[in-house]
Amino acid sequence: MSNEKATFSLAKGLHHINIAKQYFEDFKIDCTGDIKHAVNGYINKCDFILNNIFDRLGEETRKVYKEEISDSLSLESINDKLMILDTAQRLELEDMLDAITKGKKVTVKIDD
């Protein structure tokens, strides 16, 4: 596995664990008793995984990954919006994102 692919895979894994943790925290708000206790356990397991990985990284790398996952739910929200687009709209957006990631300037005109 290339270093770039491994880095991307780790970032995605951390995002998914962080997203799960945040959804469990949200779900826990309305829970009581045994269910709340169980959900706290799930949150703790997510924290354990995140902290265990972060503890194994160098300080600079850890800082980058922590910043990377700080907006996990924002990425999830974008993904939710992508799911309601039709195929043509997704392809158009993908073309724009490809251009942006290649350093090109993209201008969007929004018609009413």
N, C-alpha and C. Protein backbone atom coordinates (compact mmCIF):
# COMPACT_ATOMS: atom_id res chain seq x y z
N MET A 1 0.86 -1.17 0.00
CA MET A 1 0.00 0.00 0.00
C MET A 1 0.90 1.23 0.00
N SER A 2 0.61 2.16 -0.88
CA SER A 2 1.41 3.37 -0.95
C SER A 2 1.15 4.23 0.29
N ASN A 3 2.12 5.08 0.60
CA ASN A 3 1.98 5.96 1.75
C ASN A 3 0.78 6.89 1.59
N GLU A 4 0.56 7.40 0.38
CA GLU A 4 -0.57 8.29 0.13
C GLU A 4 -1.90 7.56 0.35
N LYS A 5 -1.99 6.32 -0.14
CA LYS A 5 -3.22 5.53 0.03
C LYS A 5 -3.43 5.20 1.51
N ALA A 6 -2.35 4.85 2.20
CA ALA A 6 -2.45 4.53 3.62
C ALA A 6 -2.89 5.75 4.42
N THR A 7 -2.35 6.91 4.10
CA THR A 7 -2.71 8.15 4.77
C THR A 7 -4.19 8.47 4.55
N PHE A 8 -4.63 8.32 3.30
CA PHE A 8 -6.03 8.56 2.97
C PHE A 8 -6.93 7.57 3.71
N SER A 9 -6.55 6.31 3.74
CA SER A 9 -7.35 5.28 4.43
C SER A 9 -7.44 5.56 5.92
N LEU A 10 -6.33 5.96 6.53
CA LEU A 10 -6.36 6.29 7.96
C LEU A 10 -7.26 7.49 8.21
N ALA A 11 -7.16 8.52 7.38
CA ALA A 11 -8.01 9.70 7.55
C ALA A 11 -9.49 9.32 7.44
N LYS A 12 -9.83 8.50 6.45
CA LYS A 12 -11.22 8.06 6.29
C LYS A 12 -11.68 7.25 7.50
N GLY A 13 -10.83 6.34 7.97
CA GLY A 13 -11.18 5.54 9.14
C GLY A 13 -11.42 6.41 10.36
N LEU A 14 -10.56 7.39 10.58
CA LEU A 14 -10.73 8.30 11.71
C LEU A 14 -12.01 9.11 11.58
N HIS A 15 -12.31 9.55 10.36
CA HIS A 15 -13.56 10.28 10.14
C HIS A 15 -14.77 9.41 10.51
N HIS A 16 -14.77 8.17 10.06
CA HIS A 16 -15.92 7.30 10.33
C HIS A 16 -16.08 7.01 11.82
N ILE A 17 -14.99 6.79 12.51
CA ILE A 17 -15.07 6.57 13.96
C ILE A 17 -15.58 7.83 14.66
N ASN A 18 -15.07 8.98 14.24
CA ASN A 18 -15.50 10.24 14.84
C ASN A 18 -16.97 10.51 14.55
N ILE A 19 -17.42 10.21 13.34
CA ILE A 19 -18.83 10.39 13.00
C ILE A 19 -19.70 9.47 13.86
N ALA A 20 -19.29 8.22 13.99
CA ALA A 20 -20.04 7.28 14.83
C ALA A 20 -20.14 7.81 16.26
N LYS A 21 -19.02 8.28 16.78
CA LYS A 21 -19.00 8.82 18.15
C LYS A 21 -19.98 9.98 18.28
N GLN A 22 -19.97 10.90 17.32
CA GLN A 22 -20.85 12.06 17.39
C GLN A 22 -22.33 11.67 17.28
N TYR A 23 -22.64 10.69 16.46
CA TYR A 23 -24.03 10.23 16.38
C TYR A 23 -24.45 9.52 17.67
N PHE A 24 -23.55 8.74 18.26
CA PHE A 24 -23.86 8.11 19.55
C PHE A 24 -24.09 9.16 20.63
N GLU A 25 -23.28 10.23 20.63
CA GLU A 25 -23.46 11.30 21.61
C GLU A 25 -24.81 11.98 21.42
N ASP A 26 -25.20 12.18 20.19
CA ASP A 26 -26.51 12.78 19.90
C ASP A 26 -27.65 11.86 20.34
N PHE A 27 -27.51 10.57 20.02
CA PHE A 27 -28.53 9.58 20.38
C PHE A 27 -28.67 9.47 21.90
N LYS A 28 -27.55 9.57 22.61
CA LYS A 28 -27.53 9.40 24.07
C LYS A 28 -28.37 10.44 24.79
N ILE A 29 -28.55 11.61 24.19
CA ILE A 29 -29.27 12.70 24.84
C ILE A 29 -30.67 12.26 25.29
N ASP A 30 -31.35 11.44 24.49
CA ASP A 30 -32.71 11.01 24.81
C ASP A 30 -32.76 9.66 25.51
N CYS A 31 -31.61 9.09 25.84
CA CYS A 31 -31.58 7.76 26.45
C CYS A 31 -31.57 7.85 27.97
N THR A 32 -32.02 6.75 28.58
CA THR A 32 -31.97 6.63 30.03
C THR A 32 -31.53 5.22 30.40
N GLY A 33 -31.16 5.04 31.64
CA GLY A 33 -30.89 3.73 32.20
C GLY A 33 -29.83 2.93 31.47
N ASP A 34 -30.17 1.64 31.24
CA ASP A 34 -29.23 0.70 30.64
C ASP A 34 -28.81 1.11 29.23
N ILE A 35 -29.75 1.67 28.47
CA ILE A 35 -29.42 2.07 27.10
C ILE A 35 -28.39 3.21 27.14
N LYS A 36 -28.60 4.19 28.01
CA LYS A 36 -27.64 5.29 28.12
C LYS A 36 -26.27 4.77 28.54
N HIS A 37 -26.26 3.81 29.46
CA HIS A 37 -25.00 3.21 29.92
C HIS A 37 -24.30 2.49 28.76
N ALA A 38 -25.06 1.74 27.97
CA ALA A 38 -24.47 1.03 26.83
C ALA A 38 -23.92 2.01 25.80
N VAL A 39 -24.66 3.07 25.52
CA VAL A 39 -24.21 4.05 24.53
C VAL A 39 -22.95 4.76 25.03
N ASN A 40 -22.89 5.04 26.33
CA ASN A 40 -21.65 5.60 26.89
C ASN A 40 -20.47 4.67 26.63
N GLY A 41 -20.72 3.37 26.72
CA GLY A 41 -19.67 2.39 26.43
C GLY A 41 -19.21 2.47 24.98
N TYR A 42 -20.15 2.65 24.06
CA TYR A 42 -19.80 2.77 22.64
C TYR A 42 -18.98 4.04 22.40
N ILE A 43 -19.38 5.13 23.06
CA ILE A 43 -18.64 6.39 22.93
C ILE A 43 -17.22 6.21 23.46
N ASN A 44 -17.11 5.53 24.60
CA ASN A 44 -15.78 5.28 25.17
C ASN A 44 -14.92 4.43 24.26
N LYS A 45 -15.53 3.46 23.58
CA LYS A 45 -14.77 2.62 22.64
C LYS A 45 -14.28 3.45 21.45
N CYS A 46 -15.12 4.34 20.97
CA CYS A 46 -14.68 5.24 19.88
C CYS A 46 -13.51 6.10 20.36
N ASP A 47 -13.63 6.66 21.56
CA ASP A 47 -12.54 7.47 22.12
C ASP A 47 -11.27 6.64 22.27
N PHE A 48 -11.42 5.39 22.72
CA PHE A 48 -10.25 4.51 22.88
C PHE A 48 -9.53 4.33 21.56
N ILE A 49 -10.29 4.04 20.51
CA ILE A 49 -9.68 3.82 19.19
C ILE A 49 -8.99 5.10 18.72
N LEU A 50 -9.70 6.22 18.78
CA LEU A 50 -9.11 7.49 18.33
C LEU A 50 -7.84 7.82 19.11
N ASN A 51 -7.92 7.74 20.43
CA ASN A 51 -6.76 8.08 21.27
C ASN A 51 -5.61 7.11 21.06
N ASN A 52 -5.92 5.83 20.88
CA ASN A 52 -4.88 4.83 20.68
C ASN A 52 -4.12 5.11 19.39
N ILE A 53 -4.83 5.48 18.35
CA ILE A 53 -4.17 5.81 17.08
C ILE A 53 -3.38 7.11 17.23
N PHE A 54 -3.98 8.13 17.81
CA PHE A 54 -3.30 9.41 17.98
C PHE A 54 -2.02 9.26 18.81
N ASP A 55 -2.06 8.42 19.84
CA ASP A 55 -0.89 8.21 20.69
C ASP A 55 0.28 7.59 19.93
N ARG A 56 -0.01 6.93 18.83
CA ARG A 56 1.04 6.26 18.05
C ARG A 56 1.62 7.14 16.94
N LEU A 57 1.06 8.33 16.80
CA LEU A 57 1.51 9.24 15.75
C LEU A 57 2.44 10.30 16.34
N GLY A 58 3.27 10.85 15.49
CA GLY A 58 4.10 11.97 15.91
C GLY A 58 3.24 13.20 16.16
N GLU A 59 3.80 14.16 16.86
CA GLU A 59 3.02 15.34 17.27
C GLU A 59 2.44 16.10 16.07
N GLU A 60 3.26 16.33 15.05
CA GLU A 60 2.77 17.06 13.87
C GLU A 60 1.69 16.29 13.12
N THR A 61 1.91 14.99 12.95
CA THR A 61 0.94 14.14 12.25
C THR A 61 -0.37 14.09 13.03
N ARG A 62 -0.26 13.95 14.34
CA ARG A 62 -1.45 13.91 15.20
C ARG A 62 -2.24 15.20 15.05
N LYS A 63 -1.55 16.33 15.02
CA LYS A 63 -2.20 17.63 14.88
C LYS A 63 -2.96 17.72 13.56
N VAL A 64 -2.35 17.23 12.48
CA VAL A 64 -2.98 17.25 11.16
C VAL A 64 -4.25 16.40 11.16
N TYR A 65 -4.17 15.18 11.69
CA TYR A 65 -5.33 14.30 11.70
C TYR A 65 -6.45 14.84 12.60
N LYS A 66 -6.08 15.41 13.75
CA LYS A 66 -7.11 15.97 14.63
C LYS A 66 -7.84 17.12 13.95
N GLU A 67 -7.08 17.94 13.23
CA GLU A 67 -7.71 19.03 12.48
C GLU A 67 -8.59 18.46 11.38
N GLU A 68 -8.11 17.40 10.75
CA GLU A 68 -8.84 16.76 9.65
C GLU A 68 -10.21 16.26 10.11
N ILE A 69 -10.29 15.68 11.31
CA ILE A 69 -11.58 15.11 11.76
C ILE A 69 -12.44 16.12 12.51
N SER A 70 -11.95 17.35 12.67
CA SER A 70 -12.71 18.32 13.45
C SER A 70 -14.03 18.70 12.78
N ASP A 71 -14.16 18.43 11.48
CA ASP A 71 -15.40 18.78 10.78
C ASP A 71 -16.05 17.56 10.14
N SER A 72 -15.95 16.43 10.81
CA SER A 72 -16.47 15.18 10.27
C SER A 72 -17.95 15.26 9.89
N LEU A 73 -18.75 15.89 10.71
CA LEU A 73 -20.18 15.96 10.41
C LEU A 73 -20.46 16.91 9.25
N SER A 74 -19.60 17.88 9.02
CA SER A 74 -19.76 18.74 7.84
C SER A 74 -19.60 17.92 6.57
N LEU A 75 -18.60 17.05 6.57
CA LEU A 75 -18.40 16.18 5.41
C LEU A 75 -19.58 15.23 5.24
N GLU A 76 -20.11 14.75 6.34
CA GLU A 76 -21.27 13.87 6.30
C GLU A 76 -22.48 14.61 5.73
N SER A 77 -22.63 15.87 6.10
CA SER A 77 -23.73 16.69 5.59
C SER A 77 -23.61 16.89 4.08
N ILE A 78 -22.39 17.13 3.61
CA ILE A 78 -22.17 17.27 2.17
C ILE A 78 -22.53 15.96 1.47
N ASN A 79 -22.11 14.85 2.04
CA ASN A 79 -22.41 13.54 1.46
C ASN A 79 -23.92 13.31 1.39
N ASP A 80 -24.64 13.72 2.42
CA ASP A 80 -26.11 13.58 2.41
C ASP A 80 -26.72 14.35 1.24
N LYS A 81 -26.20 15.53 0.96
CA LYS A 81 -26.71 16.33 -0.16
C LYS A 81 -26.36 15.68 -1.50
N LEU A 82 -25.18 15.09 -1.59
CA LEU A 82 -24.78 14.40 -2.82
C LEU A 82 -25.74 13.25 -3.15
N MET A 83 -26.24 12.61 -2.12
CA MET A 83 -27.11 11.44 -2.31
C MET A 83 -28.43 11.81 -3.00
N ILE A 84 -28.87 13.06 -2.87
CA ILE A 84 -30.15 13.44 -3.48
C ILE A 84 -29.99 14.01 -4.89
N LEU A 85 -28.75 14.17 -5.34
CA LEU A 85 -28.52 14.63 -6.71
C LEU A 85 -28.73 13.49 -7.69
N ASP A 86 -29.14 13.83 -8.90
CA ASP A 86 -29.22 12.78 -9.92
C ASP A 86 -27.82 12.55 -10.50
N THR A 87 -27.69 11.55 -11.33
CA THR A 87 -26.38 11.17 -11.86
C THR A 87 -25.70 12.30 -12.60
N ALA A 88 -26.43 13.02 -13.44
CA ALA A 88 -25.86 14.12 -14.21
C ALA A 88 -25.33 15.22 -13.28
N GLN A 89 -26.09 15.53 -12.23
CA GLN A 89 -25.66 16.56 -11.28
C GLN A 89 -24.40 16.13 -10.52
N ARG A 90 -24.36 14.86 -10.12
CA ARG A 90 -23.17 14.36 -9.41
C ARG A 90 -21.94 14.41 -10.31
N LEU A 91 -22.10 14.03 -11.58
CA LEU A 91 -20.97 14.07 -12.51
C LEU A 91 -20.49 15.49 -12.74
N GLU A 92 -21.42 16.43 -12.85
CA GLU A 92 -21.07 17.84 -13.02
C GLU A 92 -20.28 18.34 -11.81
N LEU A 93 -20.75 18.00 -10.62
CA LEU A 93 -20.06 18.41 -9.40
C LEU A 93 -18.70 17.74 -9.30
N GLU A 94 -18.62 16.48 -9.68
CA GLU A 94 -17.34 15.77 -9.66
C GLU A 94 -16.33 16.43 -10.60
N ASP A 95 -16.78 16.84 -11.77
CA ASP A 95 -15.90 17.55 -12.70
C ASP A 95 -15.38 18.85 -12.09
N MET A 96 -16.27 19.58 -11.41
CA MET A 96 -15.85 20.82 -10.76
C MET A 96 -14.82 20.54 -9.66
N LEU A 97 -15.08 19.52 -8.85
CA LEU A 97 -14.15 19.17 -7.78
C LEU A 97 -12.80 18.72 -8.33
N ASP A 98 -12.82 17.97 -9.42
CA ASP A 98 -11.56 17.56 -10.06
C ASP A 98 -10.76 18.78 -10.50
N ALA A 99 -11.44 19.76 -11.08
CA ALA A 99 -10.77 20.98 -11.52
C ALA A 99 -10.18 21.75 -10.34
N ILE A 100 -10.95 21.87 -9.26
CA ILE A 100 -10.50 22.59 -8.07
C ILE A 100 -9.27 21.91 -7.48
N THR A 101 -9.31 20.57 -7.37
CA THR A 101 -8.17 19.85 -6.78
C THR A 101 -6.93 19.90 -7.66
N LYS A 102 -7.11 20.23 -8.93
CA LYS A 102 -5.96 20.40 -9.84
C LYS A 102 -5.48 21.84 -9.86
N GLY A 103 -6.07 22.69 -9.00
CA GLY A 103 -5.63 24.07 -8.89
C GLY A 103 -6.27 25.03 -9.85
N LYS A 104 -7.28 24.57 -10.56
CA LYS A 104 -7.97 25.45 -11.50
C LYS A 104 -9.01 26.28 -10.77
N LYS A 105 -9.29 27.46 -11.31
CA LYS A 105 -10.33 28.31 -10.74
C LYS A 105 -11.65 27.93 -11.37
N VAL A 106 -12.66 27.73 -10.54
CA VAL A 106 -13.99 27.36 -11.01
C VAL A 106 -14.96 28.47 -10.61
N THR A 107 -15.74 28.93 -11.56
CA THR A 107 -16.76 29.93 -11.31
C THR A 107 -18.12 29.28 -11.52
N VAL A 108 -18.99 29.48 -10.55
CA VAL A 108 -20.32 28.88 -10.61
C VAL A 108 -21.35 30.00 -10.74
N LYS A 109 -22.23 29.87 -11.71
CA LYS A 109 -23.33 30.82 -11.87
C LYS A 109 -24.61 30.10 -11.46
N ILE A 110 -25.35 30.68 -10.56
CA ILE A 110 -26.58 30.08 -10.07
C ILE A 110 -27.76 30.80 -10.69
N ASP A 111 -28.55 30.05 -11.47
CA ASP A 111 -29.76 30.59 -12.09
C ASP A 111 -30.97 30.27 -11.22
N ASP A 112 -31.89 31.20 -11.15
CA ASP A 112 -33.13 30.95 -10.38
C ASP A 112 -34.10 30.15 -11.16
